[in-house]
Each structure stands twice: as C-alpha cells, then as structure tokens.
C-alpha cells in the first residue's frame, strides 16, 4: 500500500509540473524564442542532470544489446516528436489550456489502440466516454478571442503529440522492469538531444541574440522546463507507470488541463469563459470515464477468472499437490 501511495504521489507531481510546463513554454514563445532552441536545450540539460544524479547514486546505466532499439524509439517519440508537435501546437492555438486538454485525450487513443491492435473489448460506457470527451473539447475550442489564426492546424499537430505519447508510455513500461526510472529518462533525453541537433544548428541559433537568449527571462523558464518538467516529472512518471501500470497512470493525464487552467488563471496568462470551463469539466469527465470503466472491467474479468478456477478446483476435488501428505504418499 505504501508503494502505491508513493506512486500516486509521483503521478500527481508529474501532472502538476506538466501543467506548469505549458505556462513556461508559452512565455518563451511570446518572447520569440524558437522551438528549435529551447526544446533541445531543455532535453540536453535534463539528460546531463540525470546522468550526474545516476552517477552519484551509482545506478547501473548499461544498456542491454536487445534494448537499444527500444531506447532509440522511445527518444524519437518523446521528446523529439512529442515536444516539437506539442510546442508548435501551442504556438498555433495560442492557448496553454486548450493545448493541455488535447494532450489529455491520451487515454482515449490508448483505448483505440487496444481495440484495433490488441482486440480488447470495451463497454458502451467506454465508447460514450470518447464522445463526451470530444464534446468537451469542442466546447473549450468554441471561442473567437483566445485562439490563433491557424487554430485547427494547431489541434491537428497536437494529436500527433498525443500519438507519440501513447507510444512512449508503451516503451517506458517495457523497459521499467529492467532499468531504474531515472536511467530510462536519462537516455530518453540524451538521445532526444541528438535527434534535435540538426534543428538546433539550422534553426535554433539562426537568429541568436545574446542579450535576449542569455537573459533571465529566457534562462529561467528554460531551466524550469529542463529541471522540473523534464528531469523530475518524467522520472516520477516512469516510476508511476512501473508501479501502477499504463492504464491506471494514464488516468492522471485528465487532470493536466485543470492544472494548466488553474496556473494560467493564477499567473494571469489567460481567462476562460463559462462555456469553456464547462467544456473543460465535460472533457475531463469523458477521459476519466473511458479509463476508469476500462480498468474496473479488467479487474472484474480477473476476479471472475479466479472464481471460475476456484469453482473448477472444487468440483474436481483438491489437486493432489495440495492435499496434506500427498508428497509423502508419492514418496512411499
């Protein structure tokens, strides 16, 4: 129980920090700092920090030969594809809260992948949750004053980020039994920094201005993104995935828009209308419904299977292996 409580706390810490990440990224974009500059800087700083921590803690950082492809694909999905798509989506929608809500549809996509690829079955309530969440997204998006000119393109790009996030969760889960969460995230961001290098050299520093780029107004949010939203948040997220599983952990993503909206309102970054707040609540309820009902169904299926096995055992008599003295009788 103590381990699970720690995992829940880790998941909540992650969502809180990710909610803040949209605010800090939006501040950098408002200053004209290109995505190709601060995202690679964020990835490299996070990877170097975690390398130092793992070295001091004497963590085993060796990668097994069979896991190299997984690590490379993990870094390709997150941070490379995800951060580029997320940041450009934020730039085009011009709304941290709407960006967070679209990204929070992750559990819905995870359910769709389960249906199409793994042939998992879901109840009508699960399907209804999808449409409820999409309806909430439509209400939040229904505004004329707080979105960018290329709003629809921003939404489409954000869904690319969602797909990449679903993929990275799967890769993280497959690696979590062998590697420590901090080691997984360290390689994730170090390899990610390598992926970003061409963009950084061609676009990131193209219009480099020392007075702006090295000013505190840029350094502060960049460091916050690297140390808190990348190094810390992804390590706690990997820990939560390892101990709670993919389905249970994904539920927390529904809280991300609420955190973003709260911090955006608190810091005076943006305001939402009553309709948008309503849509936000409906969207999160729909996401939560798809995940919770699915989880409960899986638990019920497991319990039903155990009961069937017990019933079969009772009708056939106790297996010889578990009868008192059975081993003695066979030995004699």
Protein backbone atom coordinates (compact mmCIF):
# COMPACT_ATOMS: atom_id res chain seq x y z
CA UNK A 1 0.00 0.00 0.00
CA UNK A 2 2.85 2.36 0.86
CA UNK A 3 4.43 1.74 -2.54
CA UNK A 4 1.18 2.54 -4.33
CA UNK A 5 0.67 5.73 -2.36
CA UNK A 6 4.16 6.81 -3.38
CA UNK A 7 3.32 6.02 -7.00
CA UNK A 8 0.10 8.06 -6.81
CA UNK A 9 2.06 10.96 -5.32
CA UNK A 10 4.61 10.61 -8.14
CA UNK A 11 1.85 10.75 -10.75
CA UNK A 12 0.29 13.85 -9.16
CA UNK A 13 3.71 15.52 -9.01
CA UNK A 14 4.19 14.82 -12.71
CA UNK A 15 0.81 16.23 -13.73
CA UNK A 16 1.34 19.36 -11.63
CA UNK A 17 4.71 20.04 -13.23
CA UNK A 18 3.40 19.31 -16.71
CA UNK A 19 0.55 21.70 -16.08
CA UNK A 20 3.14 24.39 -15.36
CA UNK A 21 5.18 23.45 -18.43
CA UNK A 22 2.61 24.95 -20.80
CA UNK A 23 2.86 28.27 -18.98
CA UNK A 24 6.67 28.41 -19.15
CA UNK A 25 6.75 27.28 -22.80
CA UNK A 26 4.15 29.92 -23.69
CA UNK A 27 6.32 32.62 -22.07
CA UNK A 28 9.29 31.60 -24.23
CA UNK A 29 7.17 31.63 -27.38
CA UNK A 30 5.84 35.09 -26.51
CA UNK A 31 9.44 36.36 -26.49
CA UNK A 32 10.07 34.94 -29.96
CA UNK A 33 12.36 32.13 -28.78
CA UNK A 34 12.15 29.38 -31.42
CA UNK A 35 11.04 25.87 -30.54
CA UNK A 36 14.25 24.55 -32.10
CA UNK A 37 16.28 26.38 -29.45
CA UNK A 38 14.63 25.85 -26.08
CA UNK A 39 13.37 22.29 -26.61
CA UNK A 40 16.86 20.87 -27.44
CA UNK A 41 18.34 22.95 -24.61
CA UNK A 42 15.70 21.57 -22.27
CA UNK A 43 16.39 17.97 -23.34
CA UNK A 44 20.17 18.23 -23.06
CA UNK A 45 20.06 19.93 -19.65
CA UNK A 46 17.65 17.29 -18.30
CA UNK A 47 19.78 14.43 -19.63
CA UNK A 48 23.03 15.82 -18.20
CA UNK A 49 21.42 16.45 -14.81
CA UNK A 50 20.09 12.90 -14.60
CA UNK A 51 23.46 11.49 -15.71
CA UNK A 52 25.13 13.26 -12.77
CA UNK A 53 22.45 12.05 -10.35
CA UNK A 54 22.67 8.45 -11.58
CA UNK A 55 26.47 8.56 -11.44
CA UNK A 56 26.44 9.81 -7.85
CA UNK A 57 23.80 7.22 -6.91
CA UNK A 58 25.86 4.51 -8.69
CA UNK A 59 22.92 3.35 -10.75
CA UNK A 60 23.52 0.68 -13.37
CA UNK A 61 23.44 2.65 -16.65
CA UNK A 62 24.47 -0.12 -19.04
CA UNK A 63 22.06 -0.75 -21.94
CA UNK A 64 21.50 -4.35 -22.97
CA UNK A 65 22.00 -5.02 -26.67
CA UNK A 66 18.39 -6.06 -27.21
CA UNK A 67 17.10 -2.80 -25.67
CA UNK A 68 18.96 -0.31 -27.87
CA UNK A 69 16.14 -0.13 -30.43
CA UNK A 70 13.56 0.46 -27.68
CA UNK A 71 15.56 3.33 -26.21
CA UNK A 72 16.07 4.92 -29.63
CA UNK A 73 12.36 4.66 -30.47
CA UNK A 74 11.45 5.94 -27.00
CA UNK A 75 13.57 9.07 -27.52
CA UNK A 76 12.19 9.51 -31.04
CA UNK A 77 8.61 9.52 -29.75
CA UNK A 78 9.42 11.51 -26.63
CA UNK A 79 10.99 14.05 -26.52
CA UNK A 80 11.62 14.58 -30.26
CA UNK A 81 8.24 14.14 -31.99
CA UNK A 82 6.19 14.95 -28.91
CA UNK A 83 7.87 18.22 -27.93
CA UNK A 84 8.04 19.55 -31.48
CA UNK A 85 4.37 18.74 -32.11
CA UNK A 86 3.25 19.97 -28.69
CA UNK A 87 5.14 23.25 -28.87
CA UNK A 88 4.10 24.02 -32.44
CA UNK A 89 0.54 23.12 -31.48
CA UNK A 90 0.74 25.55 -28.57
CA UNK A 91 2.18 28.20 -30.89
CA UNK A 92 -0.65 27.82 -33.43
CA UNK A 93 -3.54 27.54 -30.94
CA UNK A 94 -2.12 30.30 -28.70
CA UNK A 95 -3.80 28.71 -25.68
CA UNK A 96 -2.00 26.69 -22.96
CA UNK A 97 -5.28 25.32 -21.59
CA UNK A 98 -6.64 24.06 -24.91
CA UNK A 99 -3.24 22.54 -25.67
CA UNK A 100 -3.31 20.69 -22.34
CA UNK A 101 -6.84 19.44 -22.97
CA UNK A 102 -5.99 18.00 -26.38
CA UNK A 103 -2.90 16.28 -24.96
CA UNK A 104 -5.09 14.91 -22.16
CA UNK A 105 -7.02 12.82 -24.71
CA UNK A 106 -4.13 10.36 -24.44
CA UNK A 107 -6.23 7.71 -22.61
CA UNK A 108 -8.78 7.78 -25.43
CA UNK A 109 -6.12 7.00 -28.02
CA UNK A 110 -4.73 4.29 -25.75
CA UNK A 111 -8.20 2.71 -25.72
CA UNK A 112 -8.49 2.90 -29.51
CA UNK A 113 -5.08 1.25 -29.92
CA UNK A 114 -6.23 -1.51 -27.57
CA UNK A 115 -9.37 -2.11 -29.65
CA UNK A 116 -7.75 -2.08 -33.09
CA UNK A 117 -4.38 -3.72 -32.40
CA UNK A 118 -4.82 -5.82 -29.26
CA UNK A 119 -8.50 -6.67 -29.88
CA UNK A 120 -9.54 -5.58 -26.40
CA UNK A 121 -13.26 -5.28 -25.68
CA UNK A 122 -14.83 -2.16 -24.18
CA UNK A 123 -18.28 -1.45 -22.84
CA UNK A 124 -20.73 1.07 -24.37
CA UNK A 125 -19.83 3.44 -21.50
CA UNK A 126 -16.22 3.43 -22.68
CA UNK A 127 -17.31 4.42 -26.18
CA UNK A 128 -19.65 7.06 -24.74
CA UNK A 129 -16.73 8.48 -22.78
CA UNK A 130 -14.88 9.09 -26.07
CA UNK A 131 -17.72 11.19 -27.47
CA UNK A 132 -18.20 13.01 -24.16
CA UNK A 133 -14.53 13.98 -24.11
CA UNK A 134 -14.64 15.14 -27.74
CA UNK A 135 -17.78 17.16 -26.95
CA UNK A 136 -15.97 18.86 -24.08
CA UNK A 137 -13.04 19.59 -26.38
CA UNK A 138 -15.42 21.24 -28.86
CA UNK A 139 -16.90 23.47 -26.14
CA UNK A 140 -13.46 24.56 -24.94
CA UNK A 141 -12.41 25.25 -28.53
CA UNK A 142 -15.55 27.27 -29.28
CA UNK A 143 -14.14 30.76 -28.86
CA UNK A 144 -13.21 33.72 -31.04
CA UNK A 145 -10.85 35.65 -28.83
CA UNK A 146 -8.32 33.29 -27.24
CA UNK A 147 -7.08 31.20 -30.17
CA UNK A 148 -4.67 31.74 -33.03
CA UNK A 149 -5.33 32.21 -36.71
CA UNK A 150 -4.19 28.66 -37.51
CA UNK A 151 -6.08 27.11 -34.61
CA UNK A 152 -7.29 23.99 -36.49
CA UNK A 153 -3.77 23.20 -37.72
CA UNK A 154 -2.58 23.53 -34.15
CA UNK A 155 -5.18 21.00 -32.97
CA UNK A 156 -4.15 18.50 -35.67
CA UNK A 157 -0.47 18.85 -34.77
CA UNK A 158 -1.31 18.33 -31.10
CA UNK A 159 -2.92 15.00 -31.92
CA UNK A 160 0.43 13.90 -33.40
CA UNK A 161 1.89 14.67 -29.98
CA UNK A 162 -0.81 12.51 -28.37
CA UNK A 163 0.02 9.52 -30.58
CA UNK A 164 3.72 9.84 -29.81
CA UNK A 165 2.94 9.99 -26.09
CA UNK A 166 0.91 6.77 -26.24
CA UNK A 167 3.91 5.12 -27.90
CA UNK A 168 6.40 6.38 -25.31
CA UNK A 169 4.26 5.09 -22.44
CA UNK A 170 4.34 1.62 -24.01
CA UNK A 171 8.14 1.72 -24.45
CA UNK A 172 8.65 3.02 -20.90
CA UNK A 173 6.55 0.20 -19.49
CA UNK A 174 8.51 -2.43 -21.44
CA UNK A 175 11.81 -1.07 -20.08
CA UNK A 176 10.74 -0.38 -16.50
CA UNK A 177 11.29 -3.95 -15.26
CA UNK A 178 14.97 -3.82 -16.24
CA UNK A 179 16.08 -0.21 -15.71
CA UNK A 180 15.59 2.40 -12.99
CA UNK A 181 13.15 5.20 -13.91
CA UNK A 182 15.89 7.85 -13.73
CA UNK A 183 18.10 5.80 -16.09
CA UNK A 184 15.29 5.39 -18.63
CA UNK A 185 14.57 9.12 -18.62
CA UNK A 186 18.28 10.00 -18.77
CA UNK A 187 18.80 8.10 -22.02
CA UNK A 188 15.46 9.31 -23.29
CA UNK A 189 16.60 12.94 -23.13
CA UNK A 190 20.25 12.39 -24.09
CA UNK A 191 19.24 10.52 -27.24
CA UNK A 192 16.50 13.08 -27.78
CA UNK A 193 19.08 15.89 -27.70
CA UNK A 194 20.96 14.12 -30.51
CA UNK A 195 17.76 13.94 -32.58
CA UNK A 196 17.27 17.68 -32.02
CA UNK A 197 20.82 18.65 -33.01
CA UNK A 198 20.14 19.31 -36.74
CA UNK A 199 17.15 21.53 -35.89
CA UNK A 200 19.13 23.33 -33.21
CA UNK A 201 22.05 24.12 -35.55
CA UNK A 202 19.92 25.14 -38.55
CA UNK A 203 17.01 26.98 -36.91
CA UNK A 204 17.57 27.18 -33.17
CA UNK A 205 20.55 29.53 -33.23
CA UNK A 206 19.89 31.14 -36.60
CA UNK A 207 18.79 34.45 -35.06
CA UNK A 208 20.71 34.09 -31.81
CA UNK A 209 20.79 37.32 -29.78
CA UNK A 210 22.94 37.09 -26.62
CA UNK A 211 21.08 39.91 -24.88
CA UNK A 212 17.79 38.06 -25.29
CA UNK A 213 18.71 34.37 -25.26
CA UNK A 214 21.05 34.69 -22.27
CA UNK A 215 18.70 36.93 -20.31
CA UNK A 216 16.99 35.73 -17.15
CA UNK A 217 13.56 35.93 -18.80
CA UNK A 218 14.69 33.10 -21.13
CA UNK A 219 17.06 31.20 -18.83
CA UNK A 220 14.51 30.90 -16.01
CA UNK A 221 11.68 29.18 -17.93
CA UNK A 222 14.18 27.05 -19.88
CA UNK A 223 15.78 25.77 -16.66
CA UNK A 224 12.36 25.24 -15.10
CA UNK A 225 11.32 23.16 -18.10
CA UNK A 226 14.55 21.15 -18.02
CA UNK A 227 14.96 20.53 -14.29
CA UNK A 228 11.34 20.30 -13.18
CA UNK A 229 9.16 19.42 -16.17
CA UNK A 230 11.66 17.08 -17.84
CA UNK A 231 14.16 15.57 -15.39
CA UNK A 232 11.87 15.45 -12.35
CA UNK A 233 8.45 14.99 -13.97
CA UNK A 234 9.47 12.24 -16.40
CA UNK A 235 11.30 10.33 -13.67
CA UNK A 236 8.27 10.41 -11.37
CA UNK A 237 6.08 9.48 -14.37
CA UNK A 238 8.24 6.45 -15.20
CA UNK A 239 8.05 5.44 -11.52
CA UNK A 240 4.25 5.69 -11.59
CA UNK A 241 4.00 3.65 -14.80
CA UNK A 242 6.21 0.96 -13.30
CA UNK A 243 4.15 0.59 -10.12
CA UNK A 244 0.61 1.46 -11.28
CA UNK A 245 0.66 0.24 -14.86
CA UNK A 246 -0.20 2.05 -18.09
CA UNK A 247 -3.99 2.16 -17.62
CA UNK A 248 -4.03 3.46 -14.06
CA UNK A 249 -1.31 6.02 -14.71
CA UNK A 250 -2.96 7.38 -17.87
CA UNK A 251 -5.99 8.44 -15.83
CA UNK A 252 -3.95 11.24 -14.28
CA UNK A 253 -3.48 12.88 -17.67
CA UNK A 254 -7.10 14.01 -17.41
CA UNK A 255 -6.01 16.30 -14.58
CA UNK A 256 -3.44 18.12 -16.71
CA UNK A 257 -5.87 20.66 -18.27
CA UNK A 258 -7.24 21.51 -14.83
CA UNK A 259 -3.73 22.18 -13.53
CA UNK A 260 -2.87 24.27 -16.58
CA UNK A 261 -6.09 26.26 -16.40
CA UNK A 262 -5.52 26.90 -12.68
CA UNK A 263 -1.93 28.11 -13.14
CA UNK A 264 -2.82 30.11 -16.27
CA UNK A 265 -5.56 31.87 -14.31
CA UNK A 266 -3.32 32.28 -11.26
CA UNK A 267 -0.48 33.84 -13.28
CA UNK A 268 -2.81 35.95 -15.42
CA UNK A 269 -1.80 34.16 -18.63
CA UNK A 270 -5.35 33.71 -19.95
CA UNK A 271 -9.02 33.70 -18.98
CA UNK A 272 -11.76 31.22 -19.86
CA UNK A 273 -15.44 31.80 -20.48
CA UNK A 274 -18.17 29.90 -18.63
CA UNK A 275 -18.74 27.72 -21.71
CA UNK A 276 -15.04 26.86 -21.86
CA UNK A 277 -14.90 25.96 -18.17
CA UNK A 278 -17.95 23.74 -18.70
CA UNK A 279 -16.33 22.09 -21.69
CA UNK A 280 -13.16 21.58 -19.69
CA UNK A 281 -15.07 19.75 -16.97
CA UNK A 282 -17.00 17.65 -19.51
CA UNK A 283 -13.83 16.76 -21.39
CA UNK A 284 -12.03 15.59 -18.26
CA UNK A 285 -15.10 13.61 -17.15
CA UNK A 286 -15.20 11.83 -20.50
CA UNK A 287 -11.50 10.97 -20.39
CA UNK A 288 -11.83 9.74 -16.81
CA UNK A 289 -14.85 7.60 -17.75
CA UNK A 290 -13.05 5.82 -20.60
CA UNK A 291 -10.15 4.90 -18.35
CA UNK A 292 -11.85 4.07 -15.05
CA UNK A 293 -14.57 1.89 -16.54
CA UNK A 294 -12.00 0.01 -18.60
CA UNK A 295 -9.85 -0.57 -15.54
CA UNK A 296 -12.80 -1.75 -13.48
CA UNK A 297 -13.84 -4.12 -16.26
CA UNK A 298 -10.35 -5.63 -16.39
CA UNK A 299 -10.37 -6.09 -12.60
CA UNK A 300 -13.80 -7.72 -12.76
CA UNK A 301 -12.63 -10.04 -15.55
CA UNK A 302 -9.64 -11.07 -13.42
CA UNK A 303 -11.81 -11.72 -10.37
CA UNK A 304 -14.28 -13.71 -12.48
CA UNK A 305 -11.44 -15.84 -13.88
CA UNK A 306 -10.16 -16.57 -10.38
CA UNK A 307 -13.64 -17.56 -9.23
CA UNK A 308 -14.01 -19.89 -12.23
CA UNK A 309 -10.70 -21.56 -11.43
CA UNK A 310 -11.69 -21.99 -7.79
CA UNK A 311 -15.05 -23.45 -8.78
CA UNK A 312 -13.38 -25.87 -11.20
CA UNK A 313 -10.98 -26.93 -8.50
CA UNK A 314 -13.81 -27.54 -6.01
CA UNK A 315 -15.86 -29.65 -8.44
CA UNK A 316 -12.89 -31.78 -9.45
CA UNK A 317 -11.58 -32.12 -5.92
CA UNK A 318 -8.45 -30.56 -4.47
CA UNK A 319 -5.36 -31.09 -6.65
CA UNK A 320 -3.15 -33.83 -5.39
CA UNK A 321 -0.26 -31.41 -4.96
CA UNK A 322 -2.08 -29.55 -2.22
CA UNK A 323 -3.53 -32.48 -0.26
CA UNK A 324 -1.84 -32.86 3.13
CA UNK A 325 0.56 -35.74 2.97
CA UNK A 326 0.32 -36.08 -0.82
CA UNK A 327 4.07 -35.78 -1.27
CA UNK A 328 4.64 -38.38 1.46
CA UNK A 329 2.24 -40.80 -0.25
CA UNK A 330 4.05 -40.41 -3.60
CA UNK A 331 7.43 -40.91 -1.93
CA UNK A 332 6.21 -44.10 -0.25
